[in-house]
Structure formats: structure tokens, C-alpha cells
N, C-alpha and C. Protein backbone atom coordinates (compact mmCIF):
# COMPACT_ATOMS: atom_id res chain seq x y z
N VAL A 1 22.01 24.31 -17.46
CA VAL A 1 20.74 23.71 -17.75
C VAL A 1 19.68 24.27 -16.84
N PRO A 2 18.60 24.77 -17.35
CA PRO A 2 17.58 25.39 -16.61
C PRO A 2 16.90 24.54 -15.62
N PHE A 3 16.49 25.04 -14.41
CA PHE A 3 15.99 24.18 -13.38
C PHE A 3 14.78 23.39 -13.77
N ARG A 4 13.98 23.89 -14.59
CA ARG A 4 12.69 23.22 -15.10
C ARG A 4 13.20 21.89 -15.78
N GLU A 5 14.18 22.00 -16.63
CA GLU A 5 14.67 20.95 -17.34
C GLU A 5 15.36 19.93 -16.41
N THR A 6 16.22 20.37 -15.50
CA THR A 6 16.81 19.47 -14.53
C THR A 6 15.87 18.73 -13.76
N HIS A 7 14.80 19.40 -13.27
CA HIS A 7 13.69 18.79 -12.57
C HIS A 7 13.14 17.57 -13.40
N HIS A 8 12.95 17.82 -14.60
CA HIS A 8 12.30 16.81 -15.54
C HIS A 8 13.29 15.58 -15.68
N ILE A 9 14.73 15.91 -15.84
CA ILE A 9 15.55 14.93 -15.96
C ILE A 9 15.69 14.12 -14.62
N ALA A 10 15.65 14.80 -13.49
CA ALA A 10 15.75 14.03 -12.20
C ALA A 10 14.54 13.11 -12.06
N GLY A 11 13.31 13.49 -12.54
CA GLY A 11 12.14 12.61 -12.47
C GLY A 11 12.37 11.40 -13.33
N HIS A 12 12.99 11.57 -14.47
CA HIS A 12 13.22 10.43 -15.36
C HIS A 12 14.28 9.42 -14.68
N ALA A 13 15.17 10.02 -13.98
CA ALA A 13 16.23 9.18 -13.34
C ALA A 13 15.59 8.43 -12.19
N VAL A 14 14.69 9.02 -11.51
CA VAL A 14 14.00 8.34 -10.40
C VAL A 14 13.13 7.19 -10.95
N ARG A 15 12.47 7.43 -12.05
CA ARG A 15 11.60 6.53 -12.67
C ARG A 15 12.42 5.32 -13.09
N LEU A 16 13.62 5.61 -13.76
CA LEU A 16 14.41 4.48 -14.21
C LEU A 16 14.96 3.64 -13.06
N ALA A 17 15.33 4.30 -12.07
CA ALA A 17 15.79 3.51 -10.82
C ALA A 17 14.63 2.65 -10.26
N GLU A 18 13.46 3.26 -10.24
CA GLU A 18 12.31 2.54 -9.62
C GLU A 18 11.95 1.34 -10.54
N GLU A 19 12.01 1.53 -11.86
CA GLU A 19 11.67 0.48 -12.74
C GLU A 19 12.62 -0.74 -12.67
N ARG A 20 13.89 -0.45 -12.41
CA ARG A 20 14.91 -1.45 -12.21
C ARG A 20 14.90 -2.03 -10.79
N GLY A 21 14.38 -1.38 -9.87
CA GLY A 21 14.28 -1.76 -8.51
C GLY A 21 15.61 -1.60 -7.81
N VAL A 22 16.34 -0.44 -8.20
CA VAL A 22 17.65 -0.12 -7.69
C VAL A 22 17.63 1.21 -7.07
N GLU A 23 18.72 1.55 -6.19
CA GLU A 23 18.89 2.80 -5.73
C GLU A 23 19.44 3.73 -6.80
N MET A 24 19.15 4.97 -6.67
CA MET A 24 19.66 6.04 -7.71
C MET A 24 21.15 5.90 -7.94
N SER A 25 21.81 5.61 -6.80
CA SER A 25 23.29 5.56 -6.85
C SER A 25 23.78 4.37 -7.63
N SER A 26 22.91 3.46 -8.00
CA SER A 26 23.27 2.31 -8.80
C SER A 26 23.24 2.57 -10.35
N LEU A 27 22.59 3.69 -10.68
CA LEU A 27 22.59 4.08 -12.08
C LEU A 27 23.98 4.47 -12.53
N THR A 28 24.24 3.97 -13.84
CA THR A 28 25.65 4.20 -14.39
C THR A 28 25.71 5.57 -15.07
N LEU A 29 26.95 5.92 -15.42
CA LEU A 29 27.18 7.03 -16.27
C LEU A 29 26.38 7.08 -17.43
N ALA A 30 26.43 5.91 -18.17
CA ALA A 30 25.70 5.71 -19.38
C ALA A 30 24.23 5.97 -19.25
N ASP A 31 23.67 5.55 -18.11
CA ASP A 31 22.20 5.76 -17.80
C ASP A 31 21.95 7.28 -17.77
N PHE A 32 22.81 7.92 -17.06
CA PHE A 32 22.63 9.34 -16.88
C PHE A 32 22.80 10.06 -18.13
N GLN A 33 23.84 9.64 -18.97
CA GLN A 33 24.10 10.33 -20.28
C GLN A 33 22.85 10.09 -21.22
N LYS A 34 22.12 8.99 -21.09
CA LYS A 34 20.96 8.76 -21.91
C LYS A 34 19.87 9.81 -21.59
N LEU A 35 19.91 10.22 -20.29
CA LEU A 35 18.88 11.17 -19.90
C LEU A 35 19.25 12.60 -20.28
N HIS A 36 20.59 12.88 -20.29
CA HIS A 36 21.06 14.22 -20.77
C HIS A 36 22.53 14.15 -21.09
N PRO A 37 22.99 14.57 -22.20
CA PRO A 37 24.42 14.44 -22.72
C PRO A 37 25.41 15.14 -21.81
N LEU A 38 24.94 16.18 -21.10
CA LEU A 38 25.97 16.95 -20.26
C LEU A 38 26.48 16.21 -18.98
N PHE A 39 25.82 15.13 -18.68
CA PHE A 39 26.30 14.38 -17.51
C PHE A 39 27.72 13.88 -17.81
N GLY A 40 28.57 14.00 -16.78
CA GLY A 40 29.95 13.61 -16.91
C GLY A 40 30.32 12.64 -15.77
N GLU A 41 31.59 12.27 -15.71
CA GLU A 41 32.10 11.42 -14.64
C GLU A 41 31.72 11.87 -13.23
N ASP A 42 31.63 13.16 -13.13
CA ASP A 42 31.46 13.76 -11.76
C ASP A 42 30.04 13.52 -11.23
N VAL A 43 29.11 12.84 -12.04
CA VAL A 43 27.76 12.62 -11.55
C VAL A 43 27.82 11.73 -10.38
N ALA A 44 28.82 10.93 -10.27
CA ALA A 44 28.90 9.97 -9.01
C ALA A 44 29.07 10.75 -7.78
N GLU A 45 29.56 11.90 -7.83
CA GLU A 45 29.76 12.75 -6.65
C GLU A 45 28.55 13.18 -6.01
N ILE A 46 27.40 13.04 -6.72
CA ILE A 46 26.04 13.45 -6.18
C ILE A 46 25.78 12.62 -4.93
N TRP A 47 26.37 11.42 -4.87
CA TRP A 47 26.02 10.46 -3.84
C TRP A 47 26.94 10.53 -2.64
N ASP A 48 27.96 11.48 -2.67
CA ASP A 48 28.83 11.65 -1.69
C ASP A 48 28.24 12.83 -0.74
N PHE A 49 27.50 12.39 0.24
CA PHE A 49 26.77 13.27 1.09
C PHE A 49 27.55 14.36 1.84
N GLU A 50 28.81 13.97 2.21
CA GLU A 50 29.74 14.98 2.81
C GLU A 50 30.12 16.10 1.80
N LYS A 51 30.35 15.79 0.57
CA LYS A 51 30.62 16.86 -0.42
C LYS A 51 29.41 17.62 -0.67
N SER A 52 28.27 16.94 -0.77
CA SER A 52 26.98 17.62 -0.98
C SER A 52 26.73 18.75 0.00
N ILE A 53 26.94 18.37 1.27
CA ILE A 53 26.74 19.35 2.39
C ILE A 53 27.80 20.47 2.32
N ASP A 54 28.98 20.21 2.00
CA ASP A 54 30.02 21.17 1.94
C ASP A 54 29.89 22.10 0.80
N ARG A 55 29.14 21.69 -0.23
CA ARG A 55 28.86 22.61 -1.39
C ARG A 55 28.01 23.83 -1.01
N ARG A 56 27.28 23.69 0.04
CA ARG A 56 26.32 24.71 0.40
C ARG A 56 27.01 25.70 1.29
N SER A 57 27.75 26.58 0.69
CA SER A 57 28.73 27.47 1.38
C SER A 57 28.18 28.96 1.44
N ALA A 58 26.96 29.14 1.01
CA ALA A 58 26.42 30.49 1.09
C ALA A 58 26.03 30.85 2.54
N LEU A 59 25.88 31.97 2.79
CA LEU A 59 25.38 32.47 4.15
C LEU A 59 24.19 31.66 4.62
N GLY A 60 24.27 31.04 5.74
CA GLY A 60 23.13 30.17 6.23
C GLY A 60 23.20 28.70 5.60
N GLY A 61 24.27 28.45 4.89
CA GLY A 61 24.30 27.15 4.27
C GLY A 61 24.79 26.03 5.22
N THR A 62 25.00 24.89 4.69
CA THR A 62 25.29 23.64 5.60
C THR A 62 26.81 23.29 5.61
N SER A 63 27.61 24.00 4.84
CA SER A 63 29.02 23.56 4.88
C SER A 63 29.63 23.71 6.26
N ARG A 64 30.59 22.81 6.41
CA ARG A 64 31.25 22.99 7.81
C ARG A 64 31.77 24.44 8.10
N LYS A 65 32.39 24.94 7.11
CA LYS A 65 32.96 26.37 7.38
C LYS A 65 31.87 27.34 7.65
N THR A 66 30.80 27.24 6.91
CA THR A 66 29.72 28.21 7.12
C THR A 66 29.00 27.94 8.45
N VAL A 67 28.85 26.69 8.90
CA VAL A 67 28.29 26.42 10.22
C VAL A 67 29.14 26.87 11.34
N GLU A 68 30.43 26.71 11.07
CA GLU A 68 31.37 27.26 12.19
C GLU A 68 31.23 28.73 12.24
N VAL A 69 31.17 29.47 11.17
CA VAL A 69 30.96 30.93 11.22
C VAL A 69 29.72 31.25 11.91
N GLN A 70 28.59 30.56 11.57
CA GLN A 70 27.39 30.81 12.25
C GLN A 70 27.49 30.54 13.81
N LEU A 71 28.17 29.51 14.20
CA LEU A 71 28.36 29.16 15.58
C LEU A 71 29.15 30.28 16.32
N THR A 72 30.19 30.67 15.65
CA THR A 72 31.06 31.80 16.25
C THR A 72 30.20 32.98 16.53
N HIS A 73 29.42 33.39 15.41
CA HIS A 73 28.56 34.61 15.63
C HIS A 73 27.55 34.33 16.71
N LEU A 74 26.95 33.17 16.80
CA LEU A 74 25.98 32.92 17.84
C LEU A 74 26.62 32.96 19.22
N LYS A 75 27.78 32.43 19.40
CA LYS A 75 28.48 32.36 20.68
C LYS A 75 28.83 33.82 21.06
N THR A 76 29.25 34.60 20.15
CA THR A 76 29.49 36.05 20.45
C THR A 76 28.28 36.72 20.89
N TRP A 77 27.14 36.49 20.18
CA TRP A 77 25.91 37.16 20.43
C TRP A 77 25.38 36.78 21.73
N LEU A 78 25.53 35.45 22.13
CA LEU A 78 25.09 34.97 23.46
C LEU A 78 25.91 35.49 24.55
N GLY A 79 27.22 35.73 24.27
CA GLY A 79 28.15 36.18 25.29
C GLY A 79 27.83 37.66 25.61
N THR A 80 27.41 38.51 24.55
CA THR A 80 27.13 39.83 24.74
C THR A 80 25.62 40.08 25.18
N SER A 81 24.84 39.07 25.00
CA SER A 81 23.46 39.24 25.37
C SER A 81 23.09 38.70 26.77
N ALA A 82 23.98 37.90 27.32
CA ALA A 82 23.68 37.32 28.59
C ALA A 82 23.74 38.16 29.74
């Protein structure tokens, strides 16, 4: 799904949650599927912040593994630059 469309869908989800006076995590799978048919059971994983962080595994990302690599490089650089 193109970014422009996902941005639009996200806006509708935010509005729906605001209208109901609930957190986004309270929206059901049926709610999300009304916004776009490609939503599946895995939509609930969006609210698992640990998984969200670990998905960012590109260079400079936030995953634990990536951060550990960055820290190792930094410690090596500091050790050779001191």
C-alpha cells in the first residue's frame, strides 16, 4: 500500500479513536478492516513497542542488535581516538 494511502488510513483510524474517546489500541480488527481490507490479525502487533523498536534494523536503526553494533563501533573508535 503506498505511503500516501497509508497516511490517509492512519488519519481515519485516529479520527475513529478520537470520536469514540478511546486509545488507538482499543480499535478492533473489524474497525481496521473497515478502513482497509488488507489489515490482518497482525495489526495488534503495532501496539507492541518492543517489537516496533526491534523492526528498525537498518544501519542507524533502533533495534537492540543495531544499537549494540553501533555501541561496539563507538567504543572501538573511542579506544583508538583517545
